[in-house]
């Protein structure tokens, strides 16, 4: 099973040098409004975005969607 990885999201965001708030602003420019608290929940693994949102997040970060996922048995 392929699942969204909050740890990978956090790592990609930090590698880009962005805060959660700055990523949320960037996502809004891409047409996706996500609150910082929602992004925190994604990163903490408390919830997962829909595939369409995950794709927009990966595009805003400039990384392939596969970089934000993990495979579990």
N, C-alpha and C. Protein backbone atom coordinates (compact mmCIF):
# COMPACT_ATOMS: atom_id res chain seq x y z
N UNK A 1 0.84 -1.17 0.00
CA UNK A 1 0.00 0.00 0.00
C UNK A 1 0.89 1.25 0.00
N UNK A 2 0.50 2.23 -0.75
CA UNK A 2 1.25 3.49 -0.81
C UNK A 2 0.51 4.51 0.04
N UNK A 3 1.26 5.14 0.95
CA UNK A 3 0.68 6.13 1.85
C UNK A 3 1.48 7.42 1.78
N UNK A 4 0.81 8.52 2.06
CA UNK A 4 1.46 9.81 2.15
C UNK A 4 2.37 9.82 3.37
N UNK A 5 3.55 10.40 3.25
CA UNK A 5 4.50 10.44 4.36
C UNK A 5 4.65 11.87 4.88
N UNK A 6 4.14 12.09 6.08
CA UNK A 6 4.27 13.39 6.71
C UNK A 6 5.73 13.75 6.96
N UNK A 7 6.54 12.75 7.31
CA UNK A 7 7.96 13.00 7.56
C UNK A 7 8.65 13.45 6.27
N UNK A 8 8.28 12.84 5.16
CA UNK A 8 8.87 13.24 3.87
C UNK A 8 8.43 14.64 3.47
N UNK A 9 7.18 14.98 3.76
CA UNK A 9 6.68 16.33 3.49
C UNK A 9 7.49 17.34 4.29
N UNK A 10 7.66 17.07 5.56
CA UNK A 10 8.42 17.98 6.42
C UNK A 10 9.86 18.12 5.93
N UNK A 11 10.48 17.01 5.56
CA UNK A 11 11.86 17.04 5.08
C UNK A 11 11.97 17.86 3.79
N UNK A 12 11.03 17.67 2.87
CA UNK A 12 11.06 18.42 1.61
C UNK A 12 10.84 19.91 1.85
N UNK A 13 9.92 20.23 2.75
CA UNK A 13 9.66 21.64 3.07
C UNK A 13 10.89 22.28 3.70
N UNK A 14 11.51 21.58 4.62
CA UNK A 14 12.70 22.13 5.28
C UNK A 14 13.87 22.23 4.32
N UNK A 15 14.01 21.26 3.41
CA UNK A 15 15.08 21.32 2.41
C UNK A 15 14.91 22.53 1.51
N UNK A 16 13.66 22.93 1.28
CA UNK A 16 13.39 24.12 0.47
C UNK A 16 13.62 25.40 1.27
N UNK A 17 13.77 25.26 2.59
CA UNK A 17 14.01 26.42 3.44
C UNK A 17 12.75 27.19 3.78
N UNK A 18 11.60 26.51 3.73
CA UNK A 18 10.32 27.17 3.96
C UNK A 18 9.75 26.80 5.32
N UNK A 19 9.03 27.76 5.90
CA UNK A 19 8.23 27.47 7.09
C UNK A 19 6.91 26.87 6.63
N UNK A 20 6.15 26.36 7.56
CA UNK A 20 4.82 25.85 7.22
C UNK A 20 3.97 26.97 6.64
N UNK A 21 4.07 28.15 7.23
CA UNK A 21 3.28 29.28 6.76
C UNK A 21 3.67 29.69 5.34
N UNK A 22 4.97 29.69 5.05
CA UNK A 22 5.39 30.07 3.70
C UNK A 22 4.95 29.04 2.66
N UNK A 23 4.96 27.76 3.02
CA UNK A 23 4.46 26.74 2.10
C UNK A 23 2.96 26.93 1.87
N UNK A 24 2.23 27.26 2.92
CA UNK A 24 0.79 27.50 2.76
C UNK A 24 0.54 28.67 1.82
N UNK A 25 1.33 29.73 1.94
CA UNK A 25 1.18 30.87 1.02
C UNK A 25 1.48 30.46 -0.41
N UNK A 26 2.51 29.67 -0.59
CA UNK A 26 2.89 29.20 -1.93
C UNK A 26 1.78 28.31 -2.52
N UNK A 27 1.22 27.44 -1.68
CA UNK A 27 0.13 26.58 -2.14
C UNK A 27 -1.08 27.41 -2.55
N UNK A 28 -1.35 28.48 -1.82
CA UNK A 28 -2.48 29.34 -2.16
C UNK A 28 -2.29 29.95 -3.55
N UNK A 29 -1.05 30.32 -3.88
CA UNK A 29 -0.75 30.85 -5.22
C UNK A 29 -0.96 29.78 -6.29
N UNK A 30 -0.86 28.50 -5.91
CA UNK A 30 -1.11 27.38 -6.82
C UNK A 30 -2.58 26.97 -6.82
N UNK A 31 -3.43 27.74 -6.11
CA UNK A 31 -4.85 27.46 -6.10
C UNK A 31 -5.32 26.50 -5.03
N UNK A 32 -4.47 26.21 -4.05
CA UNK A 32 -4.83 25.28 -2.99
C UNK A 32 -4.68 25.98 -1.65
N UNK A 33 -5.79 26.21 -0.99
CA UNK A 33 -5.74 26.88 0.31
C UNK A 33 -5.72 25.83 1.42
N UNK A 34 -4.59 25.76 2.10
CA UNK A 34 -4.42 24.85 3.24
C UNK A 34 -3.99 25.70 4.43
N UNK A 35 -4.65 25.51 5.54
CA UNK A 35 -4.29 26.23 6.75
C UNK A 35 -3.02 25.63 7.34
N UNK A 36 -2.21 26.46 8.01
CA UNK A 36 -1.00 25.92 8.64
C UNK A 36 -1.29 24.77 9.60
N UNK A 37 -2.41 24.82 10.31
CA UNK A 37 -2.73 23.72 11.24
C UNK A 37 -2.98 22.42 10.49
N UNK A 38 -3.56 22.51 9.29
CA UNK A 38 -3.78 21.32 8.48
C UNK A 38 -2.45 20.77 8.00
N UNK A 39 -1.55 21.64 7.58
CA UNK A 39 -0.22 21.21 7.15
C UNK A 39 0.52 20.55 8.31
N UNK A 40 0.38 21.11 9.51
CA UNK A 40 1.00 20.50 10.70
C UNK A 40 0.45 19.10 10.92
N UNK A 41 -0.85 18.91 10.72
CA UNK A 41 -1.46 17.59 10.89
C UNK A 41 -0.95 16.61 9.83
N UNK A 42 -0.77 17.08 8.59
CA UNK A 42 -0.19 16.22 7.54
C UNK A 42 1.21 15.78 7.96
N UNK A 43 2.03 16.75 8.39
CA UNK A 43 3.41 16.44 8.75
C UNK A 43 3.50 15.52 9.96
N UNK A 44 2.56 15.64 10.88
CA UNK A 44 2.55 14.81 12.09
C UNK A 44 1.97 13.43 11.82
N UNK A 45 1.42 13.22 10.63
CA UNK A 45 0.82 11.93 10.31
C UNK A 45 -0.55 11.74 10.92
N UNK A 46 -1.17 12.83 11.38
CA UNK A 46 -2.50 12.73 11.98
C UNK A 46 -3.59 12.56 10.93
N UNK A 47 -3.33 13.00 9.73
CA UNK A 47 -4.26 12.82 8.62
C UNK A 47 -3.47 12.88 7.32
N UNK A 48 -4.08 12.45 6.24
CA UNK A 48 -3.43 12.45 4.93
C UNK A 48 -4.25 13.27 3.95
N UNK A 49 -3.57 13.99 3.07
CA UNK A 49 -4.32 14.73 2.04
C UNK A 49 -4.85 13.78 0.97
N UNK A 50 -5.91 14.22 0.30
CA UNK A 50 -6.37 13.48 -0.87
C UNK A 50 -5.25 13.50 -1.91
N UNK A 51 -5.31 12.59 -2.84
CA UNK A 51 -4.27 12.47 -3.86
C UNK A 51 -4.12 13.78 -4.64
N UNK A 52 -5.22 14.42 -4.98
CA UNK A 52 -5.14 15.68 -5.73
C UNK A 52 -4.40 16.75 -4.94
N UNK A 53 -4.64 16.82 -3.64
CA UNK A 53 -3.93 17.78 -2.79
C UNK A 53 -2.46 17.41 -2.66
N UNK A 54 -2.19 16.13 -2.49
CA UNK A 54 -0.80 15.67 -2.36
C UNK A 54 -0.01 16.03 -3.63
N UNK A 55 -0.65 15.89 -4.78
CA UNK A 55 0.00 16.23 -6.04
C UNK A 55 0.30 17.73 -6.10
N UNK A 56 -0.64 18.56 -5.68
CA UNK A 56 -0.41 20.00 -5.68
C UNK A 56 0.69 20.38 -4.70
N UNK A 57 0.74 19.73 -3.57
CA UNK A 57 1.80 19.99 -2.59
C UNK A 57 3.16 19.63 -3.19
N UNK A 58 3.24 18.47 -3.84
CA UNK A 58 4.52 18.05 -4.42
C UNK A 58 4.95 19.02 -5.52
N UNK A 59 4.00 19.50 -6.30
CA UNK A 59 4.33 20.46 -7.36
C UNK A 59 4.83 21.77 -6.79
N UNK A 60 4.19 22.24 -5.73
CA UNK A 60 4.62 23.49 -5.09
C UNK A 60 6.03 23.35 -4.51
N UNK A 61 6.34 22.15 -4.01
CA UNK A 61 7.68 21.90 -3.46
C UNK A 61 8.71 21.59 -4.54
N UNK A 62 8.22 21.29 -5.74
CA UNK A 62 9.15 20.97 -6.84
C UNK A 62 9.74 19.58 -6.71
N UNK A 63 8.99 18.66 -6.11
CA UNK A 63 9.47 17.28 -5.96
C UNK A 63 8.43 16.34 -6.56
N UNK A 64 8.85 15.16 -7.01
CA UNK A 64 7.87 14.18 -7.51
C UNK A 64 6.97 13.72 -6.37
N UNK A 65 5.74 13.39 -6.69
CA UNK A 65 4.79 12.90 -5.69
C UNK A 65 5.36 11.69 -4.96
N UNK A 66 6.09 10.85 -5.68
CA UNK A 66 6.68 9.64 -5.08
C UNK A 66 7.60 9.98 -3.91
N UNK A 67 8.19 11.17 -3.93
CA UNK A 67 9.08 11.57 -2.83
C UNK A 67 8.30 11.84 -1.55
N UNK A 68 6.99 12.01 -1.64
CA UNK A 68 6.18 12.30 -0.46
C UNK A 68 5.35 11.09 -0.04
N UNK A 69 5.70 9.93 -0.55
CA UNK A 69 4.96 8.72 -0.19
C UNK A 69 5.89 7.66 0.38
N UNK A 70 5.28 6.67 1.00
CA UNK A 70 6.01 5.51 1.49
C UNK A 70 5.18 4.27 1.20
N UNK A 71 5.85 3.18 1.01
CA UNK A 71 5.17 1.93 0.75
C UNK A 71 5.13 1.12 2.03
N UNK A 72 3.94 0.64 2.36
CA UNK A 72 3.79 -0.20 3.54
C UNK A 72 3.21 -1.55 3.12
N UNK A 73 3.56 -2.59 3.85
CA UNK A 73 3.06 -3.93 3.48
C UNK A 73 1.56 -4.07 3.67
